[in-house]
């Protein structure tokens, strides 16, 4: 099941014009019912018919096989008993009349069951009914309206993103060394952070480095990175580095930036950089 996307306050402004669209103000139920009757019901009815036809066919074969064998048995038994009675050797347990009655009852039962199964082949659909409505706004539309996709795709190529990531890593490694710590690049190990840094006393801090081009509003964080942060409270830092061409800004360290575990099925979350930086400012105050 798809996980619902939760809009931030800033993103909600982009969907307001969509909610004011003229087609949303028109009576939608007749259009929905008309579409369902023309496109959905016929297809669904045919699917049900094929499924039901196969079940009925198999059931008819099984019923005919079982009841016909019983009818043949009791018909033959009635004839045998009739012959014995004509020869003056009646059966004490059952007579030919009862055997014949049993064969006739089975024939009636077979005819009735086959009629019931034939009726099951006749499938009709009830009129469609609207029980609820929902407006689904794909996140891609929000990104397009806000210009986020345009910025991230058209102005930042994969090669450029890789270059920015290298510059950001180099900058943070240099800052760590300048602070008399011993950093180790573990970005290839998928640990949920990029750098392990030690002050020499054995205590480690864990740094996830995010390099972003100037003007980018969001930073994407993986579920693994968020869970790692929650498992290492106080020792996990998100370092944001803004790169403008060849100019690399000073890293901004945000201690324990994440406080809520992602919902089930979520693989990554976009965070607003300004909000993350504001959180770091508040923690210092």
Protein backbone atom coordinates (compact mmCIF):
# COMPACT_ATOMS: atom_id res chain seq x y z
CA UNK A 1 0.00 0.00 0.00
CA UNK A 2 1.40 3.42 -0.90
CA UNK A 3 2.34 5.66 2.04
CA UNK A 4 0.49 9.05 2.07
CA UNK A 5 2.78 12.06 1.60
CA UNK A 6 2.45 14.69 4.30
CA UNK A 7 2.67 18.24 3.03
CA UNK A 8 4.56 20.86 5.00
CA UNK A 9 3.09 24.28 5.60
CA UNK A 10 5.16 25.70 2.76
CA UNK A 11 4.07 22.96 0.36
CA UNK A 12 0.38 23.42 1.15
CA UNK A 13 0.45 26.80 -0.58
CA UNK A 14 1.17 25.07 -3.86
CA UNK A 15 -1.93 22.86 -3.74
CA UNK A 16 -4.37 25.66 -2.93
CA UNK A 17 -4.71 26.69 -6.61
CA UNK A 18 -5.41 23.05 -7.46
CA UNK A 19 -8.21 22.95 -4.92
CA UNK A 20 -9.73 26.05 -6.50
CA UNK A 21 -9.88 24.49 -9.98
CA UNK A 22 -13.24 24.99 -11.70
CA UNK A 23 -13.77 21.27 -12.37
CA UNK A 24 -13.73 20.58 -8.61
CA UNK A 25 -16.66 22.95 -8.16
CA UNK A 26 -18.83 21.13 -10.68
CA UNK A 27 -21.10 18.17 -9.73
CA UNK A 28 -18.67 15.28 -9.95
CA UNK A 29 -20.95 12.37 -9.05
CA UNK A 30 -22.72 12.15 -12.46
CA UNK A 31 -19.37 12.14 -14.25
CA UNK A 32 -17.98 9.47 -11.92
CA UNK A 33 -21.07 7.28 -12.32
CA UNK A 34 -21.04 7.71 -16.08
CA UNK A 35 -17.39 6.75 -16.34
CA UNK A 36 -17.90 3.74 -14.07
CA UNK A 37 -20.90 2.54 -16.07
CA UNK A 38 -19.11 2.93 -19.39
CA UNK A 39 -15.61 1.74 -18.58
CA UNK A 40 -15.31 0.01 -15.19
CA UNK A 41 -18.48 -2.06 -14.87
CA UNK A 42 -18.29 -3.82 -18.27
CA UNK A 43 -14.71 -4.86 -17.64
CA UNK A 44 -15.44 -6.01 -14.10
CA UNK A 45 -18.55 -7.86 -15.22
CA UNK A 46 -16.59 -9.74 -17.88
CA UNK A 47 -13.91 -10.68 -15.35
CA UNK A 48 -16.55 -12.01 -12.96
CA UNK A 49 -18.36 -13.82 -15.79
CA UNK A 50 -15.22 -15.65 -16.88
CA UNK A 51 -14.39 -16.59 -13.31
CA UNK A 52 -17.94 -17.73 -12.57
CA UNK A 53 -18.22 -19.65 -15.86
CA UNK A 54 -15.17 -21.72 -15.01
CA UNK A 55 -16.51 -22.55 -11.54
CA UNK A 56 -19.96 -23.47 -12.89
CA UNK A 57 -18.45 -25.63 -15.63
CA UNK A 58 -16.40 -27.64 -13.16
CA UNK A 59 -19.37 -27.94 -10.78
CA UNK A 60 -21.68 -29.17 -13.58
CA UNK A 61 -19.18 -31.84 -14.54
CA UNK A 62 -18.85 -33.01 -10.93
CA UNK A 63 -22.63 -33.03 -10.30
CA UNK A 64 -23.41 -34.91 -13.52
CA UNK A 65 -20.71 -37.47 -12.84
CA UNK A 66 -21.82 -38.20 -9.27
CA UNK A 67 -25.61 -38.13 -9.67
CA UNK A 68 -25.66 -39.86 -13.05
CA UNK A 69 -23.70 -42.78 -11.59
CA UNK A 70 -26.18 -43.01 -8.73
CA UNK A 71 -29.16 -42.84 -11.10
CA UNK A 72 -27.72 -45.59 -13.28
CA UNK A 73 -27.09 -47.72 -10.21
CA UNK A 74 -30.63 -47.40 -8.83
CA UNK A 75 -32.21 -47.80 -12.27
CA UNK A 76 -30.30 -51.04 -12.77
CA UNK A 77 -31.13 -52.11 -9.22
CA UNK A 78 -34.86 -51.46 -9.83
CA UNK A 79 -34.78 -53.64 -12.95
CA UNK A 80 -32.99 -56.44 -11.09
CA UNK A 81 -35.48 -56.33 -8.21
CA UNK A 82 -38.40 -56.27 -10.66
CA UNK A 83 -37.05 -59.40 -12.34
CA UNK A 84 -36.64 -61.15 -8.98
CA UNK A 85 -40.18 -60.22 -7.95
CA UNK A 86 -41.56 -61.58 -11.26
CA UNK A 87 -39.73 -64.84 -10.56
CA UNK A 88 -41.31 -65.06 -7.10
CA UNK A 89 -38.12 -64.13 -5.24
CA UNK A 90 -38.84 -60.74 -3.61
CA UNK A 91 -36.05 -58.93 -1.69
CA UNK A 92 -36.85 -58.55 1.99
CA UNK A 93 -34.80 -55.36 2.35
CA UNK A 94 -36.02 -53.26 -0.60
CA UNK A 95 -38.44 -53.72 -3.45
CA UNK A 96 -38.29 -52.56 -7.06
CA UNK A 97 -40.75 -49.75 -6.40
CA UNK A 98 -38.53 -48.10 -3.78
CA UNK A 99 -35.44 -48.53 -5.99
CA UNK A 100 -37.28 -46.92 -8.91
CA UNK A 101 -38.47 -44.10 -6.64
CA UNK A 102 -34.87 -43.52 -5.54
CA UNK A 103 -33.73 -43.33 -9.19
CA UNK A 104 -36.52 -40.86 -10.02
CA UNK A 105 -35.71 -38.67 -7.00
CA UNK A 106 -32.07 -38.52 -8.04
CA UNK A 107 -33.08 -37.54 -11.57
CA UNK A 108 -35.24 -34.71 -10.21
CA UNK A 109 -32.37 -33.63 -7.96
CA UNK A 110 -29.98 -33.63 -10.92
CA UNK A 111 -32.35 -31.57 -13.09
CA UNK A 112 -32.91 -29.05 -10.28
CA UNK A 113 -29.19 -28.68 -9.55
CA UNK A 114 -28.36 -28.18 -13.23
CA UNK A 115 -31.06 -25.50 -13.45
CA UNK A 116 -29.58 -23.72 -10.42
CA UNK A 117 -26.13 -23.81 -11.96
CA UNK A 118 -27.48 -22.50 -15.26
CA UNK A 119 -29.01 -19.56 -13.37
CA UNK A 120 -25.62 -18.83 -11.82
CA UNK A 121 -24.27 -18.25 -15.33
CA UNK A 122 -26.64 -15.32 -15.73
CA UNK A 123 -24.68 -12.39 -14.28
CA UNK A 124 -25.99 -8.86 -14.08
CA UNK A 125 -24.34 -5.79 -12.60
CA UNK A 126 -25.91 -3.41 -10.13
CA UNK A 127 -25.76 0.34 -10.83
CA UNK A 128 -22.51 1.95 -9.60
CA UNK A 129 -22.61 3.78 -6.29
CA UNK A 130 -20.32 6.56 -5.09
CA UNK A 131 -19.46 6.08 -1.41
CA UNK A 132 -16.56 8.51 -1.10
CA UNK A 133 -14.17 10.81 -2.94
CA UNK A 134 -10.53 11.78 -2.55
CA UNK A 135 -8.30 14.22 -4.38
CA UNK A 136 -4.85 12.69 -4.88
CA UNK A 137 -2.08 15.18 -5.60
CA UNK A 138 1.16 13.44 -6.66
CA UNK A 139 4.24 14.82 -4.99
CA UNK A 140 5.81 15.25 -8.42
CA UNK A 141 3.21 17.93 -9.17
CA UNK A 142 4.07 19.78 -5.96
CA UNK A 143 7.76 19.61 -6.82
CA UNK A 144 7.08 20.90 -10.31
CA UNK A 145 4.89 23.75 -9.06
CA UNK A 146 7.43 24.79 -6.46
CA UNK A 147 10.28 24.60 -8.95
CA UNK A 148 12.17 22.03 -6.88
CA UNK A 149 12.38 19.50 -9.68
CA UNK A 150 13.46 22.13 -12.15
CA UNK A 151 16.29 23.23 -9.86
CA UNK A 152 17.48 19.75 -8.97
CA UNK A 153 17.22 18.19 -12.44
CA UNK A 154 17.94 20.95 -14.92
CA UNK A 155 20.66 22.83 -13.03
CA UNK A 156 22.39 20.00 -11.14
CA UNK A 157 23.59 17.10 -13.28
CA UNK A 158 24.72 13.75 -11.78
CA UNK A 159 28.35 14.72 -12.40
CA UNK A 160 27.80 18.06 -10.68
CA UNK A 161 26.14 16.40 -7.70
CA UNK A 162 29.09 14.02 -7.42
CA UNK A 163 31.50 16.97 -7.56
CA UNK A 164 29.58 18.81 -4.85
CA UNK A 165 29.56 15.70 -2.68
CA UNK A 166 33.36 15.33 -3.02
CA UNK A 167 33.96 18.97 -2.16
CA UNK A 168 31.65 18.74 0.86
CA UNK A 169 33.37 15.59 2.15
CA UNK A 170 36.80 17.13 1.72
CA UNK A 171 35.68 20.27 3.55
CA UNK A 172 34.29 18.39 6.55
CA UNK A 173 37.34 16.10 6.72
CA UNK A 174 39.53 19.23 6.78
CA UNK A 175 37.44 20.87 9.50
CA UNK A 176 37.64 17.72 11.64
CA UNK A 177 41.42 17.58 11.31
CA UNK A 178 41.61 21.30 12.10
CA UNK A 179 39.71 20.58 15.33
CA UNK A 180 42.37 18.03 16.32
CA UNK A 181 40.16 15.04 15.60
CA UNK A 182 40.95 12.00 13.51
CA UNK A 183 38.30 11.55 10.80
CA UNK A 184 37.79 8.36 8.78
CA UNK A 185 35.85 8.27 5.50
CA UNK A 186 33.28 5.42 5.69
CA UNK A 187 30.90 6.79 3.04
CA UNK A 188 31.18 3.63 0.91
CA UNK A 189 30.16 1.29 3.75
CA UNK A 190 26.45 2.25 3.96
CA UNK A 191 26.57 2.72 7.73
CA UNK A 192 24.09 5.59 7.85
CA UNK A 193 26.82 8.24 8.07
CA UNK A 194 29.87 9.29 6.02
CA UNK A 195 32.58 10.06 8.59
CA UNK A 196 33.68 8.56 11.91
CA UNK A 197 35.71 11.10 13.82
CA UNK A 198 37.68 10.55 17.02
CA UNK A 199 39.35 12.96 19.40
CA UNK A 200 41.92 10.33 20.31
CA UNK A 201 40.24 9.20 23.53
CA UNK A 202 38.26 6.46 21.77
CA UNK A 203 35.01 8.43 21.72
CA UNK A 204 33.54 8.69 18.23
CA UNK A 205 31.15 11.10 16.62
CA UNK A 206 29.27 10.16 13.46
CA UNK A 207 28.82 12.69 10.68
CA UNK A 208 26.50 12.51 7.69
CA UNK A 209 27.68 15.00 5.06
CA UNK A 210 25.23 16.68 2.70
CA UNK A 211 26.69 18.95 0.04
CA UNK A 212 24.18 21.18 -1.72
CA UNK A 213 24.47 23.77 -4.47
CA UNK A 214 23.63 27.33 -3.59
CA UNK A 215 19.90 28.00 -3.82
CA UNK A 216 18.80 24.43 -3.11
CA UNK A 217 16.00 24.39 -0.56
CA UNK A 218 15.92 20.75 0.50
CA UNK A 219 18.18 17.93 1.55
CA UNK A 220 17.25 14.26 1.06
CA UNK A 221 17.93 11.91 3.96
CA UNK A 222 17.60 8.12 3.76
CA UNK A 223 15.67 6.02 6.26
CA UNK A 224 18.92 4.31 7.22
CA UNK A 225 20.50 7.66 8.09
CA UNK A 226 17.52 8.68 10.23
CA UNK A 227 17.46 5.38 12.14
CA UNK A 228 21.22 5.57 12.71
CA UNK A 229 20.77 9.06 14.14
CA UNK A 230 18.06 7.82 16.51
CA UNK A 231 20.29 4.93 17.62
CA UNK A 232 23.22 7.26 18.41
CA UNK A 233 21.62 10.16 20.32
CA UNK A 234 24.02 13.02 20.98
CA UNK A 235 26.83 11.55 18.88
CA UNK A 236 25.28 11.94 15.43
CA UNK A 237 25.71 15.11 13.36
CA UNK A 238 24.34 16.24 10.02
CA UNK A 239 26.89 18.47 8.30
CA UNK A 240 25.42 20.70 5.58
CA UNK A 241 27.88 22.26 3.15
CA UNK A 242 26.74 24.85 0.59
CA UNK A 243 28.78 24.89 -2.62
CA UNK A 244 28.66 27.88 -4.97
CA UNK A 245 30.71 27.04 -8.05
CA UNK A 246 34.21 26.38 -6.71
CA UNK A 247 33.50 28.19 -3.47
CA UNK A 248 32.83 25.79 -0.60
CA UNK A 249 31.10 27.19 2.45
CA UNK A 250 31.83 26.28 6.04
CA UNK A 251 29.97 23.17 7.24
CA UNK A 252 27.04 23.71 9.55
CA UNK A 253 26.87 20.87 12.09
CA UNK A 254 23.42 19.90 13.37
CA UNK A 255 23.49 17.58 16.38
CA UNK A 256 20.83 14.84 16.47
CA UNK A 257 18.83 16.43 13.62
CA UNK A 258 16.10 13.77 13.49
CA UNK A 259 13.69 12.84 16.27
CA UNK A 260 10.94 10.78 14.59
CA UNK A 261 11.26 7.36 12.99
CA UNK A 262 9.98 7.29 9.36
CA UNK A 263 6.67 5.60 8.62
CA UNK A 264 6.64 2.04 7.32
CA UNK A 265 7.47 1.90 3.62
CA UNK A 266 9.26 5.29 3.56
CA UNK A 267 12.75 5.05 2.02
CA UNK A 268 13.77 8.72 2.17
CA UNK A 269 12.51 12.09 3.34
CA UNK A 270 13.14 15.60 2.05
CA UNK A 271 13.93 18.14 4.77
CA UNK A 272 13.84 21.90 4.35
CA UNK A 273 17.38 23.21 4.84
CA UNK A 274 16.21 26.47 6.40
CA UNK A 275 14.16 24.57 8.96
CA UNK A 276 17.11 22.32 9.83
CA UNK A 277 19.38 25.34 10.26
CA UNK A 278 16.75 27.05 12.41
CA UNK A 279 16.60 23.93 14.59
CA UNK A 280 20.39 24.10 15.07
CA UNK A 281 20.13 27.79 16.02
CA UNK A 282 17.44 27.06 18.60
CA UNK A 283 19.49 24.25 20.15
CA UNK A 284 22.42 26.64 20.63
CA UNK A 285 20.20 29.21 22.31
